[in-house]
Structures are given as C-alpha cells and as structure tokens.
Amino acid sequence: MSMAQLNRKLSAQIDYSPAKLILHYRMEYAKQLLDSNSHSIEEIANQCGFNGLTSFSRTFKQEFGSSPSEYRKKALDETTELWDWKIPLSENCFDQLLLLKAKNRWLAKLFTIVIDNLDNELFSIEELASKLFISSSNLNRKVQHLFGFSTARLVRDLRLQHAAELLSTQNKSVTEAASLAGFFDVAHLSRYFKQNFGCSPGEYRNVSVFFSCIDKLKEEVISQIAK
C-alpha cells in the first residue's frame, strides 16, 4: 500500500492522517509522563521522539493550549489542593495516605523503607532513592507531585510524628524519643518539633493521646508483607 493510499484509508475511517495519528499518540504519552512527574521535561521530549525541548514545547502548546511546564504545574496544583498534611497527622490524613498508597505502589514501598529506618539517623534520601531504584531527583519530583513538598520534609515529618507518639503514648524521655526517631540529638529534634507543634518535646509529653499514625502505618506495612 502506498503512502497516499494509507492516507486516504485512515482519513476515511478516523479522519486522521498517519502523521497526525502518530502525533496524537506522542502527545497523549507526553501527558502521561508529565502526570507521573517522574521525568524531566527534557527527558519526556526525548522519549516522545522530539529532537529538542523547543520543538516539543511548541507542538505541545499547539495541541493543548499550554506549555509542558504549565500543564505539569496545573496538574500538581490540582493534586495538592485537596491534600491536608499537617503535623501531628490526623486520622483523616492517614486515610488520605492509604488512598495514595493504594494508587501508587512505589509509595507503599517508600513507607515500608522509611518505617524500617526511623531509628537510623544516618539513613539518607540517596539511600531511600537507591532502594526504590530511582534517582534522588526523580524521587523528589514524585513526592512533590503527591504531597506538594520535598522527600526530605516527608521523611522528617514522619520522624517528628514518630517522636510525638513516643512521647505521648509510650511516655519515652525526650532523649529516647530523639534517638528512636532518628534525630542526631535532642537539640535537632527540639528545633523542628517546636516549629511544627508549637511547644517543646518535653511540654508535649503532657498532651492527651492522639491518633497514632505511625503505629497504624506499621500495621499496614506488616499486613502488606504478610500478603
């Protein structure tokens, strides 16, 4: 079949030329990659068969009315708009975590790894990314897409939540809580603790028991491994 015949046949059936059909699938694939937030725009341009970022951005804007970066930002804003993340983590926040975990298998693995290393003060973002088999920058983009902040903050907030639970529900000393939650020392814990809780770790020991998010996450991790 000649190219002219193929053009006529496709146009008659779907009103698309072969070139237009290929471009359509390229652009839809580009949107999927932008939504996943796991690749840079330059990488996406290359994966979708464009010679450069300029050509990709121009074509994308012609198709969808916005640049790749504008499209990604809008998707990120829509994702984080409904997110209710605040330390101490509430039961509602925990339910949101479970929904995200169910939709993003890599996030379930991230929680498993972080929880296993909560007491390891030397555990780094680079090590976490390595265990997830992605680069630190890609991991940060994926976390930023779901939560609206960095991987470093996510891990630190989980450590803070764990420290708060140790103080409030297990009556640990501030020194013990700092060590078991992976902080270098009491001063390091106290600085971030006061920023998030509005009081010192010592003062927080007297608050009433609240929802134990880390304990619940541990239960989820254990049940997942058992399956």
Protein backbone atom coordinates (compact mmCIF):
# COMPACT_ATOMS: atom_id res chain seq x y z
CA MET A 1 0.00 0.00 0.00
CA SER A 2 1.39 3.39 -0.96
CA MET A 3 1.58 6.30 1.45
CA ALA A 4 -1.14 8.10 -0.49
CA GLN A 5 -3.44 5.08 -0.21
CA LEU A 6 -2.75 4.77 3.53
CA ASN A 7 -3.53 8.46 3.98
CA ARG A 8 -6.83 8.13 2.15
CA LYS A 9 -7.81 4.97 4.07
CA LEU A 10 -7.08 6.43 7.50
CA SER A 11 -8.75 9.73 6.64
CA ALA A 12 -11.87 7.90 5.56
CA GLN A 13 -12.02 5.79 8.72
CA ILE A 14 -10.86 8.10 11.52
CA ASP A 15 -10.36 11.49 9.86
CA TYR A 16 -6.64 11.35 10.77
CA SER A 17 -3.59 11.17 8.54
CA PRO A 18 -0.85 8.71 9.65
CA ALA A 19 1.34 11.63 10.74
CA LYS A 20 -1.50 13.18 12.74
CA LEU A 21 -2.31 9.83 14.37
CA ILE A 22 1.31 9.29 15.41
CA LEU A 23 1.49 12.84 16.78
CA HIS A 24 -1.72 12.26 18.75
CA TYR A 25 -0.27 9.20 20.48
CA ARG A 26 3.02 11.01 21.14
CA MET A 27 1.20 13.86 22.82
CA GLU A 28 -1.01 11.58 24.91
CA TYR A 29 2.09 9.69 26.04
CA ALA A 30 3.75 13.01 26.90
CA LYS A 31 0.76 13.93 29.10
CA GLN A 32 1.02 10.60 30.92
CA LEU A 33 4.72 11.17 31.60
CA LEU A 34 4.06 14.73 32.78
CA ASP A 35 1.31 13.48 35.10
CA SER A 36 3.62 10.86 36.61
CA ASN A 37 6.11 13.65 37.48
CA SER A 38 8.95 11.11 37.39
CA HIS A 39 10.81 12.56 34.38
CA SER A 40 12.16 15.98 33.48
CA ILE A 41 10.53 17.75 30.55
CA GLU A 42 13.75 17.33 28.56
CA GLU A 43 13.61 13.56 29.14
CA ILE A 44 9.95 13.47 28.09
CA ALA A 45 10.71 15.35 24.87
CA ASN A 46 13.37 12.78 24.04
CA GLN A 47 11.16 9.79 24.94
CA CYS A 48 8.37 11.13 22.74
CA GLY A 49 10.65 11.37 19.71
CA PHE A 50 11.33 15.11 19.53
CA ASN A 51 14.72 16.49 18.53
CA GLY A 52 14.72 19.13 21.23
CA LEU A 53 12.82 20.84 24.02
CA THR A 54 11.82 23.82 21.86
CA SER A 55 10.14 21.67 19.22
CA PHE A 56 8.37 19.59 21.87
CA SER A 57 7.13 22.63 23.82
CA ARG A 58 5.85 24.36 20.68
CA THR A 59 3.97 21.25 19.48
CA PHE A 60 2.56 20.56 22.96
CA LYS A 61 1.23 24.11 23.25
CA GLN A 62 -0.37 23.89 19.80
CA GLU A 63 -2.15 20.67 20.81
CA PHE A 64 -3.23 21.53 24.37
CA GLY A 65 -3.05 25.31 24.69
CA SER A 66 -0.38 25.33 27.40
CA SER A 67 3.32 24.58 27.66
CA PRO A 68 4.53 21.28 29.21
CA SER A 69 5.65 23.12 32.35
CA GLU A 70 2.28 24.92 32.66
CA TYR A 71 0.43 21.62 32.20
CA ARG A 72 2.55 19.94 34.89
CA LYS A 73 2.09 22.84 37.32
CA LYS A 74 -1.68 22.77 36.86
CA ALA A 75 -1.77 19.01 37.48
CA LEU A 76 0.38 19.47 40.60
CA ASP A 77 -1.86 22.27 41.90
CA GLU A 78 -4.93 20.09 41.42
CA THR A 79 -3.24 17.19 43.22
CA THR A 80 -2.02 19.14 46.23
CA GLU A 81 -5.09 21.39 46.52
CA LEU A 82 -7.06 18.73 48.39
CA TRP A 83 -4.14 17.47 50.48
CA ASP A 84 -4.47 18.04 54.20
CA TRP A 85 -0.97 17.36 55.51
CA LYS A 86 -0.15 18.80 58.90
CA ILE A 87 1.91 17.53 61.83
CA PRO A 88 0.56 15.97 64.04
CA LEU A 89 -1.09 13.78 61.42
CA SER A 90 -4.82 13.29 61.83
CA GLU A 91 -6.95 10.22 61.15
CA ASN A 92 -8.24 11.96 58.02
CA CYS A 93 -4.66 12.45 56.85
CA PHE A 94 -3.95 8.77 57.48
CA ASP A 95 -6.96 7.81 55.34
CA GLN A 96 -5.61 10.01 52.55
CA LEU A 97 -2.24 8.28 52.88
CA LEU A 98 -3.88 4.88 52.45
CA LEU A 99 -5.65 6.07 49.29
CA LEU A 100 -2.42 7.42 47.86
CA LYS A 101 -0.58 4.24 48.81
CA ALA A 102 -3.18 2.11 47.05
CA LYS A 103 -2.88 4.16 43.85
CA ASN A 104 0.94 4.43 43.93
CA ARG A 105 2.75 1.16 44.56
CA TRP A 106 6.11 2.91 44.89
CA LEU A 107 4.69 4.95 47.80
CA ALA A 108 3.80 1.77 49.68
CA LYS A 109 7.41 0.64 49.31
CA LEU A 110 8.66 4.08 50.39
CA PHE A 111 6.68 3.89 53.63
CA THR A 112 7.98 0.38 54.28
CA ILE A 113 11.60 1.50 53.85
CA VAL A 114 11.23 4.71 55.89
CA ILE A 115 9.45 2.96 58.77
CA ASP A 116 12.20 0.31 58.85
CA ASN A 117 14.76 3.11 59.19
CA LEU A 118 13.04 5.57 61.53
CA ASP A 119 15.65 4.97 64.22
CA ASN A 120 18.57 5.21 61.78
CA GLU A 121 19.83 8.78 61.93
CA LEU A 122 22.27 8.11 59.07
CA PHE A 123 19.56 7.00 56.66
CA SER A 124 19.65 9.40 53.71
CA ILE A 125 17.38 10.40 50.83
CA GLU A 126 20.01 8.99 48.45
CA GLU A 127 19.79 5.60 50.19
CA LEU A 128 15.99 5.73 50.08
CA ALA A 129 16.04 6.50 46.35
CA SER A 130 18.53 3.70 45.75
CA LYS A 131 16.26 1.19 47.49
CA LEU A 132 13.41 2.37 45.25
CA PHE A 133 15.67 2.01 42.17
CA ILE A 134 15.26 5.61 41.05
CA SER A 135 17.39 8.75 41.27
CA SER A 136 17.04 11.22 44.14
CA SER A 137 15.80 13.91 41.75
CA ASN A 138 13.12 11.64 40.28
CA LEU A 139 12.01 10.58 43.76
CA ASN A 140 11.76 14.21 44.80
CA ARG A 141 9.60 15.01 41.76
CA LYS A 142 7.26 12.09 42.53
CA VAL A 143 6.91 13.12 46.20
CA GLN A 144 6.48 16.77 45.23
CA HIS A 145 3.71 15.77 42.82
CA LEU A 146 1.74 13.89 45.51
CA PHE A 147 2.42 15.97 48.60
CA GLY A 148 3.50 19.40 47.41
CA PHE A 149 6.82 19.29 49.27
CA SER A 150 10.20 17.54 49.20
CA THR A 151 11.20 13.98 50.10
CA ALA A 152 13.39 15.36 52.88
CA ARG A 153 10.41 17.03 54.51
CA LEU A 154 8.25 13.91 54.15
CA VAL A 155 10.84 11.77 55.94
CA ARG A 156 11.45 14.42 58.60
CA ASP A 157 7.73 14.82 59.25
CA LEU A 158 7.34 11.06 59.66
CA ARG A 159 10.23 11.13 62.15
CA LEU A 160 8.58 14.01 64.03
CA GLN A 161 5.27 12.17 64.11
CA HIS A 162 7.02 9.08 65.46
CA ALA A 163 8.80 11.14 68.13
CA ALA A 164 5.49 12.73 69.17
CA GLU A 165 3.85 9.31 69.50
CA LEU A 166 6.77 8.01 71.55
CA LEU A 167 6.46 10.98 73.91
CA SER A 168 2.68 10.97 74.20
CA THR A 169 1.66 7.32 74.05
CA GLN A 170 4.77 5.48 75.27
CA ASN A 171 6.00 8.02 77.81
CA LYS A 172 9.54 7.97 76.43
CA SER A 173 12.03 10.58 77.55
CA VAL A 174 12.96 13.32 75.09
CA THR A 175 16.42 11.76 74.69
CA GLU A 176 14.91 8.34 73.93
CA ALA A 177 12.38 9.83 71.50
CA ALA A 178 15.12 11.70 69.63
CA SER A 179 17.20 8.54 69.28
CA LEU A 180 14.33 6.22 68.32
CA ALA A 181 13.00 8.70 65.75
CA GLY A 182 16.39 9.10 64.06
CA PHE A 183 17.35 12.62 65.15
CA PHE A 184 21.03 13.34 65.76
CA ASP A 185 20.42 14.80 69.20
CA VAL A 186 17.79 16.45 71.41
CA ALA A 187 18.59 19.91 70.05
CA HIS A 188 17.94 18.74 66.49
CA LEU A 189 14.59 17.22 67.48
CA SER A 190 13.59 20.21 69.61
CA ARG A 191 14.19 22.75 66.85
CA TYR A 192 11.93 21.03 64.30
CA PHE A 193 9.46 19.90 66.96
CA LYS A 194 8.75 23.43 68.16
CA GLN A 195 8.32 24.66 64.56
CA ASN A 196 5.60 22.06 63.95
CA PHE A 197 3.94 21.55 67.33
CA GLY A 198 4.35 24.99 68.87
CA CYS A 199 5.91 23.59 72.04
CA SER A 200 9.00 21.70 73.17
CA PRO A 201 9.14 17.88 73.17
CA GLY A 202 9.17 17.95 76.98
CA GLU A 203 5.99 20.01 77.13
CA TYR A 204 4.34 17.74 74.59
CA ARG A 205 4.64 14.71 76.88
CA ASN A 206 1.70 16.08 78.88
CA VAL A 207 -0.77 16.29 75.99
CA SER A 208 -3.65 13.84 75.66
CA VAL A 209 -3.24 10.78 73.48
CA PHE A 210 -3.92 11.44 69.81
CA PHE A 211 -4.25 9.30 66.68
CA SER A 212 -1.14 7.09 66.33
CA CYS A 213 -0.45 7.42 62.62
CA ILE A 214 2.98 5.74 62.61
CA ASP A 215 1.71 2.74 64.55
CA LYS A 216 -1.14 2.39 62.05
CA LEU A 217 1.28 2.67 59.14
CA LYS A 218 3.43 -0.05 60.71
CA GLU A 219 0.36 -2.29 60.93
CA GLU A 220 -0.37 -1.60 57.26
CA VAL A 221 3.21 -2.45 56.30
CA ILE A 222 3.15 -5.71 58.30
CA SER A 223 -0.20 -6.78 56.82
CA GLN A 224 1.06 -5.96 53.33
CA ILE A 225 4.19 -8.10 53.82
CA ALA A 226 2.05 -10.95 55.18
CA LYS A 227 0.01 -10.96 51.97
